[in-house]
Amino acid sequence: MSSHDQDPLGEVRRDGDRWSLRYVRVLRHSPEKVWAAITRSEHLNHWMPCDLVGERRAGAPLTLPFWPETVEKYKLTGPPLAGEIRVWDPPHVFEWTWDVDLLRFELTPDPEGTRLTFTTWLGGSEADADTASGYHICLGLLRARLDGASGSTAEVDTAPMKAVYVAAFERLSHR
């Protein structure tokens, strides 16, 4: 069982006319180390499916090319998506757009290291199990990277975690 299998599920929320997913993780590392892992390409390659190419400052445009192993695994053929850094406040808040989605990473000191609150607002009309399980897995890989492991999103079988989120979404729809 991998570390992301043991992490709590993300919270699915409705924020106005958009869906959001919110994940909270306590990581046994300093905010500075976590900040480096969420902002620098040499770390992103181990837990995000794409790189963030561009200057690191508020207002900076980003190009978001998928890593070659992700392109190969999912047979991706389109051009890289665009984004923009909305908030750059090291080592506290990193907020950026990924096409029509908004991603916000908030880091706060915690007695065990760093509390990471990751929220993403989805540009589509509904949240889905693929997206929710994908971010869940990414955050598990981030934890593993911080703890010294290597790997990438292309190496993970997403089906088991997707099944967990499909069941969670079904429970939500019956409320």
Protein backbone atom coordinates (compact mmCIF):
# COMPACT_ATOMS: atom_id res chain seq x y z
CA MET A 1 0.00 0.00 0.00
CA SER A 2 1.46 3.38 -0.97
CA SER A 3 1.37 6.50 1.16
CA HIS A 4 -1.33 8.15 -0.95
CA ASP A 5 -3.66 5.22 -0.21
CA GLN A 6 -3.53 6.14 3.49
CA ASP A 7 -4.08 9.89 3.11
CA PRO A 8 -7.56 11.31 3.75
CA LEU A 9 -9.71 11.88 0.70
CA GLY A 10 -10.01 15.36 -0.70
CA GLU A 11 -13.12 17.33 0.15
CA VAL A 12 -15.42 18.02 -2.80
CA ARG A 13 -17.13 21.39 -2.48
CA ARG A 14 -19.35 23.66 -4.49
CA ASP A 15 -17.98 27.24 -4.54
CA GLY A 16 -20.51 29.42 -6.33
CA ASP A 17 -20.74 28.14 -9.87
CA ARG A 18 -17.52 26.08 -9.66
CA TRP A 19 -16.57 22.82 -8.04
CA SER A 20 -13.49 22.68 -5.87
CA LEU A 21 -11.37 19.95 -4.34
CA ARG A 22 -9.55 20.59 -1.06
CA TYR A 23 -6.81 18.41 0.38
CA VAL A 24 -4.95 18.90 3.65
CA ARG A 25 -1.67 17.13 4.32
CA VAL A 26 0.80 17.44 7.18
CA LEU A 27 4.30 16.90 5.83
CA ARG A 28 7.32 16.18 8.04
CA HIS A 29 9.44 18.86 6.40
CA SER A 30 10.01 22.59 6.73
CA PRO A 31 7.89 25.04 4.74
CA GLU A 32 11.02 25.99 2.77
CA LYS A 33 11.62 22.39 1.69
CA VAL A 34 7.96 21.89 0.77
CA TRP A 35 8.00 25.20 -1.13
CA ALA A 36 10.95 24.02 -3.22
CA ALA A 37 9.14 20.76 -3.96
CA ILE A 38 6.00 22.52 -5.22
CA THR A 39 7.77 25.18 -7.28
CA ARG A 40 10.98 23.74 -8.76
CA SER A 41 11.10 21.57 -11.88
CA GLU A 42 13.58 19.07 -10.48
CA HIS A 43 10.98 18.19 -7.84
CA LEU A 44 7.80 18.67 -9.89
CA ASN A 45 8.95 15.91 -12.23
CA HIS A 46 8.41 13.40 -9.41
CA TRP A 47 4.86 14.29 -8.45
CA MET A 48 3.14 16.55 -11.04
CA PRO A 49 2.24 15.40 -14.55
CA CYS A 50 3.54 18.66 -16.04
CA ASP A 51 6.34 21.16 -15.63
CA LEU A 52 5.83 24.85 -14.87
CA VAL A 53 7.90 26.82 -17.36
CA GLY A 54 8.16 30.53 -16.68
CA GLU A 55 9.39 33.15 -14.27
CA ARG A 56 8.35 32.69 -10.64
CA ARG A 57 6.45 35.89 -9.77
CA ALA A 58 2.84 37.05 -9.52
CA GLY A 59 1.44 37.80 -12.97
CA ALA A 60 4.00 35.68 -14.82
CA PRO A 61 2.68 33.58 -17.71
CA LEU A 62 3.37 29.86 -17.58
CA THR A 63 3.68 27.14 -20.17
CA LEU A 64 2.66 23.74 -18.77
CA PRO A 65 4.23 20.96 -20.85
CA PHE A 66 3.52 17.41 -19.73
CA TRP A 67 6.58 15.37 -18.85
CA PRO A 68 7.65 12.97 -21.67
CA GLU A 69 6.70 9.84 -19.70
CA THR A 70 3.20 11.28 -19.11
CA VAL A 71 2.84 12.11 -22.82
CA GLU A 72 3.85 8.55 -23.68
CA LYS A 73 1.62 6.82 -21.11
CA TYR A 74 -1.53 8.76 -21.97
CA LYS A 75 -0.78 9.29 -25.69
CA LEU A 76 -1.11 13.07 -25.36
CA THR A 77 -0.79 14.97 -28.63
CA GLY A 78 -1.92 18.54 -28.02
CA PRO A 79 0.24 21.57 -27.37
CA PRO A 80 1.19 22.51 -23.79
CA LEU A 81 -1.52 24.30 -21.84
CA ALA A 82 -1.04 27.85 -20.63
CA GLY A 83 -1.31 29.26 -17.14
CA GLU A 84 -0.42 32.23 -15.00
CA ILE A 85 0.96 32.68 -11.52
CA ARG A 86 -1.67 34.57 -9.54
CA VAL A 87 -0.03 34.58 -6.10
CA TRP A 88 3.69 34.14 -5.38
CA ASP A 89 4.37 34.53 -1.65
CA PRO A 90 7.33 32.27 -0.71
CA PRO A 91 7.12 30.06 1.29
CA HIS A 92 3.45 30.56 2.11
CA VAL A 93 1.13 30.74 -0.91
CA PHE A 94 1.55 29.63 -4.51
CA GLU A 95 -1.51 30.06 -6.72
CA TRP A 96 -1.61 29.52 -10.45
CA THR A 97 -3.95 28.70 -13.29
CA TRP A 98 -3.77 25.56 -15.37
CA ASP A 99 -5.85 26.36 -18.42
CA VAL A 100 -9.31 26.96 -16.86
CA ASP A 101 -8.52 25.48 -13.42
CA LEU A 102 -7.13 27.43 -10.47
CA LEU A 103 -4.68 25.74 -8.07
CA ARG A 104 -3.73 27.14 -4.66
CA PHE A 105 -1.06 25.73 -2.35
CA GLU A 106 -0.99 27.19 1.16
CA LEU A 107 1.84 26.28 3.54
CA THR A 108 1.71 26.90 7.26
CA PRO A 109 4.15 25.77 9.94
CA ASP A 110 2.97 22.78 11.95
CA PRO A 111 4.52 21.10 15.00
CA GLU A 112 5.22 18.10 12.73
CA GLY A 113 6.63 20.20 9.86
CA THR A 114 4.30 21.88 7.37
CA ARG A 115 0.56 21.86 6.90
CA LEU A 116 -0.17 21.92 3.17
CA THR A 117 -3.67 22.93 2.13
CA PHE A 118 -4.17 22.41 -1.58
CA THR A 119 -7.37 23.65 -3.19
CA THR A 120 -8.23 23.54 -6.84
CA TRP A 121 -11.23 25.19 -8.44
CA LEU A 122 -12.24 23.31 -11.56
CA GLY A 123 -13.16 25.16 -14.72
CA GLY A 124 -15.62 22.49 -15.85
CA SER A 125 -19.23 22.14 -14.81
CA GLU A 126 -18.61 19.20 -12.47
CA ALA A 127 -15.95 17.57 -10.36
CA ASP A 128 -15.00 14.06 -11.36
CA ALA A 129 -13.32 11.03 -9.87
CA ASP A 130 -10.45 11.15 -12.40
CA THR A 131 -9.44 14.66 -11.34
CA ALA A 132 -9.94 14.03 -7.63
CA SER A 133 -7.98 10.78 -7.63
CA GLY A 134 -5.27 12.34 -9.80
CA TYR A 135 -4.61 15.14 -7.32
CA HIS A 136 -4.81 12.69 -4.41
CA ILE A 137 -2.11 10.57 -6.05
CA CYS A 138 0.00 13.62 -6.90
CA LEU A 139 0.01 14.73 -3.27
CA GLY A 140 1.01 11.22 -2.17
CA LEU A 141 3.90 11.36 -4.63
CA LEU A 142 4.84 14.79 -3.28
CA ARG A 143 5.04 13.33 0.22
CA ALA A 144 7.14 10.43 -1.08
CA ARG A 145 9.48 12.82 -2.91
CA LEU A 146 9.96 14.91 0.23
CA ASP A 147 10.73 11.70 2.13
CA GLY A 148 13.47 10.82 -0.40
CA ALA A 149 11.72 8.53 -2.89
CA SER A 150 11.77 8.99 -6.63
CA GLY A 151 9.12 8.24 -9.20
CA SER A 152 6.58 9.99 -11.37
CA THR A 153 2.86 10.17 -11.99
CA ALA A 154 3.32 8.01 -15.09
CA GLU A 155 4.42 5.08 -12.90
CA VAL A 156 1.24 4.96 -10.81
CA ASP A 157 -1.82 2.81 -11.47
CA THR A 158 -4.63 5.30 -10.90
CA ALA A 159 -7.50 2.78 -11.11
CA PRO A 160 -7.63 1.77 -7.40
CA MET A 161 -7.74 5.38 -6.15
CA LYS A 162 -10.21 6.34 -8.87
CA ALA A 163 -12.52 3.58 -7.62
CA VAL A 164 -12.36 5.05 -4.10
CA TYR A 165 -13.34 8.49 -5.43
CA VAL A 166 -16.11 7.06 -7.66
CA ALA A 167 -17.65 5.55 -4.51
CA ALA A 168 -17.23 8.85 -2.63
CA PHE A 169 -18.91 10.79 -5.45
CA GLU A 170 -21.77 8.28 -5.50
CA ARG A 171 -22.31 8.81 -1.76
CA LEU A 172 -22.36 12.59 -2.33
CA SER A 173 -24.94 12.30 -5.08
CA HIS A 174 -27.30 10.37 -2.78
CA ARG A 175 -27.38 13.04 -0.08
